[in-house]
C-alpha atoms as a PDB file:
ATOM      1  CA  MET A   1     122.081 -72.822 -69.039  1.00  0.00           C
ATOM      2  CA  ALA A   2     122.126 -76.346 -67.232  1.00  0.00           C
ATOM      3  CA  ARG A   3     120.763 -79.022 -69.626  1.00  0.00           C
ATOM      4  CA  GLU A   4     118.543 -81.943 -68.744  1.00  0.00           C
ATOM      5  CA  ILE A   5     118.697 -85.140 -70.343  1.00  0.00           C
ATOM      6  CA  VAL A   6     115.112 -86.790 -70.950  1.00  0.00           C
ATOM      7  CA  GLU A   7     115.467 -90.747 -71.005  1.00  0.00           C
ATOM      8  CA  VAL A   8     113.179 -93.333 -71.764  1.00  0.00           C
ATOM      9  CA  PRO A   9     112.648 -95.623 -68.977  1.00  0.00           C
ATOM     10  CA  ILE A  10     110.997 -98.995 -70.434  1.00  0.00           C
ATOM     11  CA  ALA A  11     111.701-100.569 -73.955  1.00  0.00           C
ATOM     12  CA  GLY A  12     109.053 -99.788 -76.641  1.00  0.00           C
ATOM     13  CA  LYS A  13     107.576 -98.100 -79.735  1.00  0.00           C
ATOM     14  CA  ILE A  14     106.893 -94.128 -79.725  1.00  0.00           C
ATOM     15  CA  ILE A  15     103.194 -93.681 -80.955  1.00  0.00           C
ATOM     16  CA  SER A  16     103.458 -90.081 -80.368  1.00  0.00           C
ATOM     17  CA  VAL A  17     105.896 -86.950 -80.641  1.00  0.00           C
ATOM     18  CA  ASN A  18     103.985 -83.585 -78.467  1.00  0.00           C
ATOM     19  CA  VAL A  19     107.225 -81.263 -78.761  1.00  0.00           C
ATOM     20  CA  ARG A  20     109.346 -79.907 -81.154  1.00  0.00           C
ATOM     21  CA  PRO A  21     112.865 -78.196 -81.131  1.00  0.00           C
ATOM     22  CA  GLY A  22     112.481 -74.775 -79.937  1.00  0.00           C
ATOM     23  CA  ASP A  23     109.214 -75.479 -77.805  1.00  0.00           C
ATOM     24  CA  GLU A  24     108.932 -73.873 -74.589  1.00  0.00           C
ATOM     25  CA  VAL A  25     107.414 -76.873 -71.651  1.00  0.00           C
ATOM     26  CA  LYS A  26     106.364 -76.489 -68.734  1.00  0.00           C
ATOM     27  CA  GLU A  27     107.458 -79.839 -66.088  1.00  0.00           C
ATOM     28  CA  GLY A  28     104.824 -82.354 -65.830  1.00  0.00           C
ATOM     29  CA  GLY A  29     104.050 -81.608 -69.913  1.00  0.00           C
ATOM     30  CA  THR A  30     103.770 -84.782 -72.451  1.00  0.00           C
ATOM     31  CA  LEU A  31     107.363 -85.267 -74.138  1.00  0.00           C
ATOM     32  CA  CYS A  32     105.747 -88.226 -76.295  1.00  0.00           C
ATOM     33  CA  LEU A  33     103.858 -91.494 -75.937  1.00  0.00           C
ATOM     34  CA  LEU A  34     105.587 -94.472 -75.651  1.00  0.00           C
ATOM     35  CA  GLU A  35     103.600 -98.130 -76.138  1.00  0.00           C
ATOM     36  CA  SER A  36     104.628-100.692 -73.915  1.00  0.00           C
ATOM     37  CA  MET A  37     102.835-104.072 -73.191  1.00  0.00           C
ATOM     38  CA  LYS A  38     100.333-102.410 -75.169  1.00  0.00           C
ATOM     39  CA  MET A  39      99.913-100.191 -72.865  1.00  0.00           C
ATOM     40  CA  GLU A  40     100.214 -95.935 -73.546  1.00  0.00           C
ATOM     41  CA  ASN A  41     102.679 -93.998 -71.395  1.00  0.00           C
ATOM     42  CA  PRO A  42     103.436 -90.490 -71.362  1.00  0.00           C
ATOM     43  CA  ILE A  43     106.950 -89.573 -71.257  1.00  0.00           C
ATOM     44  CA  LEU A  44     107.120 -86.290 -69.347  1.00  0.00           C
ATOM     45  CA  THR A  45     109.083 -82.996 -68.871  1.00  0.00           C
ATOM     46  CA  PRO A  46     111.086 -82.973 -65.658  1.00  0.00           C
ATOM     47  CA  VAL A  47     111.721 -79.860 -65.772  1.00  0.00           C
ATOM     48  CA  GLY A  48     110.664 -76.379 -67.524  1.00  0.00           C
ATOM     49  CA  GLY A  49     113.105 -75.142 -70.291  1.00  0.00           C
ATOM     50  CA  THR A  50     113.083 -75.191 -74.076  1.00  0.00           C
ATOM     51  CA  ILE A  51     113.375 -78.294 -76.550  1.00  0.00           C
ATOM     52  CA  THR A  52     116.780 -78.234 -78.084  1.00  0.00           C
ATOM     53  CA  GLU A  53     116.881 -81.633 -79.472  1.00  0.00           C
ATOM     54  CA  ILE A  54     114.179 -84.535 -79.763  1.00  0.00           C
ATOM     55  CA  LYS A  55     116.431 -87.789 -80.784  1.00  0.00           C
ATOM     56  CA  VAL A  56     113.266 -89.913 -81.291  1.00  0.00           C
ATOM     57  CA  SER A  57     110.252 -90.007 -83.943  1.00  0.00           C
ATOM     58  CA  VAL A  58     106.664 -91.846 -84.175  1.00  0.00           C
ATOM     59  CA  GLY A  59     106.638 -95.675 -84.593  1.00  0.00           C
ATOM     60  CA  GLN A  60     111.248 -96.042 -83.242  1.00  0.00           C
ATOM     61  CA  VAL A  61     111.533 -98.648 -81.022  1.00  0.00           C
ATOM     62  CA  VAL A  62     113.152 -97.494 -78.171  1.00  0.00           C
ATOM     63  CA  GLY A  63     115.392 -99.131 -75.181  1.00  0.00           C
ATOM     64  CA  THR A  64     115.365 -98.342 -71.103  1.00  0.00           C
ATOM     65  CA  GLY A  65     117.556 -95.552 -71.543  1.00  0.00           C
ATOM     66  CA  ASP A  66     117.671 -94.317 -74.860  1.00  0.00           C
ATOM     67  CA  VAL A  67     117.588 -90.259 -75.167  1.00  0.00           C
ATOM     68  CA  VAL A  68     114.013 -89.009 -76.204  1.00  0.00           C
ATOM     69  CA  ALA A  69     114.636 -84.907 -75.941  1.00  0.00           C
ATOM     70  CA  ILE A  70     117.688 -82.255 -74.529  1.00  0.00           C
ATOM     71  CA  ILE A  71     115.698 -78.923 -72.479  1.00  0.00           C
ATOM     72  CA  GLU A  72     118.030 -76.057 -71.779  1.00  0.00           C
ATOM     73  CA  TYR A  73     116.599 -74.524 -68.884  1.00  0.00           C
END
């Protein structure tokens, strides 16, 4: 199985996490919402597959390149 590591594209604060480990996701689905410069930015799934790990939680401040989730497909 291949793994996709999803990273944060911009610094900000996680305001919601929409998936849990074990969830099946489709390409383009929302993993979480990131607030940056008073804007809500959805972090989308780049591939369809199964969430194996979530590396962020609500309220966490993240930086560019931090890992959000790992998806196996």
